[in-house]
């Protein structure tokens, strides 16, 4: 069989965030806002940033809630989208 003619595996889409997951994520984000947005410490170029550690911790927590396995990338994207949505809401007022 020709390799470029083989069908690509179908990628299953992750289920949307449930309200309980979203509320918990926003609560954890607001509690750790300053750590999440902190700059890297001088001299720790290769160390994991606080942001990455928080995303990893949050992904493990949300996965343990049992709705769906959540990755760091999914959580980071969801936070970005929710912050944009909140800004649009406040601009509309």
Protein backbone atom coordinates (compact mmCIF):
# COMPACT_ATOMS: atom_id res chain seq x y z
CA UNK A 1 0.00 0.00 0.00
CA UNK A 2 1.24 3.49 -0.81
CA UNK A 3 1.91 5.39 2.43
CA UNK A 4 0.58 8.73 1.24
CA UNK A 5 -2.75 7.17 0.27
CA UNK A 6 -3.45 5.66 3.67
CA UNK A 7 -6.22 7.49 5.50
CA UNK A 8 -5.20 9.65 8.42
CA UNK A 9 -6.47 8.46 11.78
CA UNK A 10 -9.67 10.18 12.79
CA UNK A 11 -8.97 12.54 15.65
CA UNK A 12 -11.69 12.51 18.27
CA UNK A 13 -12.74 15.96 19.43
CA UNK A 14 -12.61 16.59 23.16
CA UNK A 15 -15.97 17.21 24.82
CA UNK A 16 -16.72 20.82 25.74
CA UNK A 17 -15.89 22.05 29.21
CA UNK A 18 -18.67 21.46 31.70
CA UNK A 19 -19.85 24.32 33.91
CA UNK A 20 -18.32 22.74 37.04
CA UNK A 21 -14.94 22.43 35.30
CA UNK A 22 -15.10 25.99 34.05
CA UNK A 23 -16.05 27.42 37.44
CA UNK A 24 -13.24 25.54 39.15
CA UNK A 25 -10.73 26.58 36.48
CA UNK A 26 -11.68 30.25 36.79
CA UNK A 27 -11.47 30.03 40.59
CA UNK A 28 -7.98 28.48 40.43
CA UNK A 29 -6.90 31.05 37.82
CA UNK A 30 -8.09 34.02 39.85
CA UNK A 31 -6.43 32.66 43.00
CA UNK A 32 -3.11 32.26 41.16
CA UNK A 33 -3.35 35.24 38.81
CA UNK A 34 -0.08 36.90 39.85
CA UNK A 35 1.90 33.63 39.69
CA UNK A 36 0.37 32.74 36.31
CA UNK A 37 1.39 36.08 34.78
CA UNK A 38 4.74 36.43 36.59
CA UNK A 39 7.91 36.85 34.57
CA UNK A 40 10.62 34.20 34.65
CA UNK A 41 13.07 34.39 37.52
CA UNK A 42 16.56 35.46 36.49
CA UNK A 43 18.98 32.54 36.26
CA UNK A 44 16.37 29.81 35.79
CA UNK A 45 16.34 29.75 32.00
CA UNK A 46 15.79 26.00 31.70
CA UNK A 47 13.47 25.57 34.64
CA UNK A 48 9.76 25.12 34.16
CA UNK A 49 7.91 28.41 34.53
CA UNK A 50 5.22 28.98 37.13
CA UNK A 51 2.71 29.20 34.30
CA UNK A 52 3.60 25.74 32.99
CA UNK A 53 3.55 24.25 36.48
CA UNK A 54 0.13 25.77 37.17
CA UNK A 55 -1.24 24.54 33.84
CA UNK A 56 0.05 21.03 34.59
CA UNK A 57 -1.47 21.10 38.08
CA UNK A 58 -4.80 22.37 36.76
CA UNK A 59 -4.87 19.79 33.96
CA UNK A 60 -4.35 16.99 36.49
CA UNK A 61 -7.06 18.42 38.73
CA UNK A 62 -9.63 18.83 35.94
CA UNK A 63 -8.83 15.38 34.58
CA UNK A 64 -9.40 13.92 38.04
CA UNK A 65 -12.90 15.47 38.03
CA UNK A 66 -13.74 12.70 35.58
CA UNK A 67 -15.44 14.60 32.76
CA UNK A 68 -12.65 14.24 30.21
CA UNK A 69 -8.86 14.19 30.16
CA UNK A 70 -7.70 17.80 29.81
CA UNK A 71 -4.29 18.85 28.51
CA UNK A 72 -2.25 21.93 29.33
CA UNK A 73 -2.91 23.27 25.83
CA UNK A 74 -6.68 22.87 26.21
CA UNK A 75 -6.66 24.68 29.54
CA UNK A 76 -4.45 27.49 28.26
CA UNK A 77 -6.72 27.98 25.24
CA UNK A 78 -9.86 27.92 27.39
CA UNK A 79 -8.42 30.53 29.76
CA UNK A 80 -7.47 32.77 26.83
CA UNK A 81 -10.96 32.48 25.34
CA UNK A 82 -12.71 33.13 28.66
CA UNK A 83 -10.59 36.21 29.37
CA UNK A 84 -11.46 37.55 25.90
CA UNK A 85 -15.14 36.86 26.55
CA UNK A 86 -15.02 38.69 29.88
CA UNK A 87 -13.30 41.69 28.28
CA UNK A 88 -15.97 41.85 25.56
CA UNK A 89 -18.66 41.71 28.25
CA UNK A 90 -17.17 44.65 30.15
CA UNK A 91 -16.67 46.68 26.97
CA UNK A 92 -20.34 46.21 26.10
CA UNK A 93 -21.45 47.80 29.37
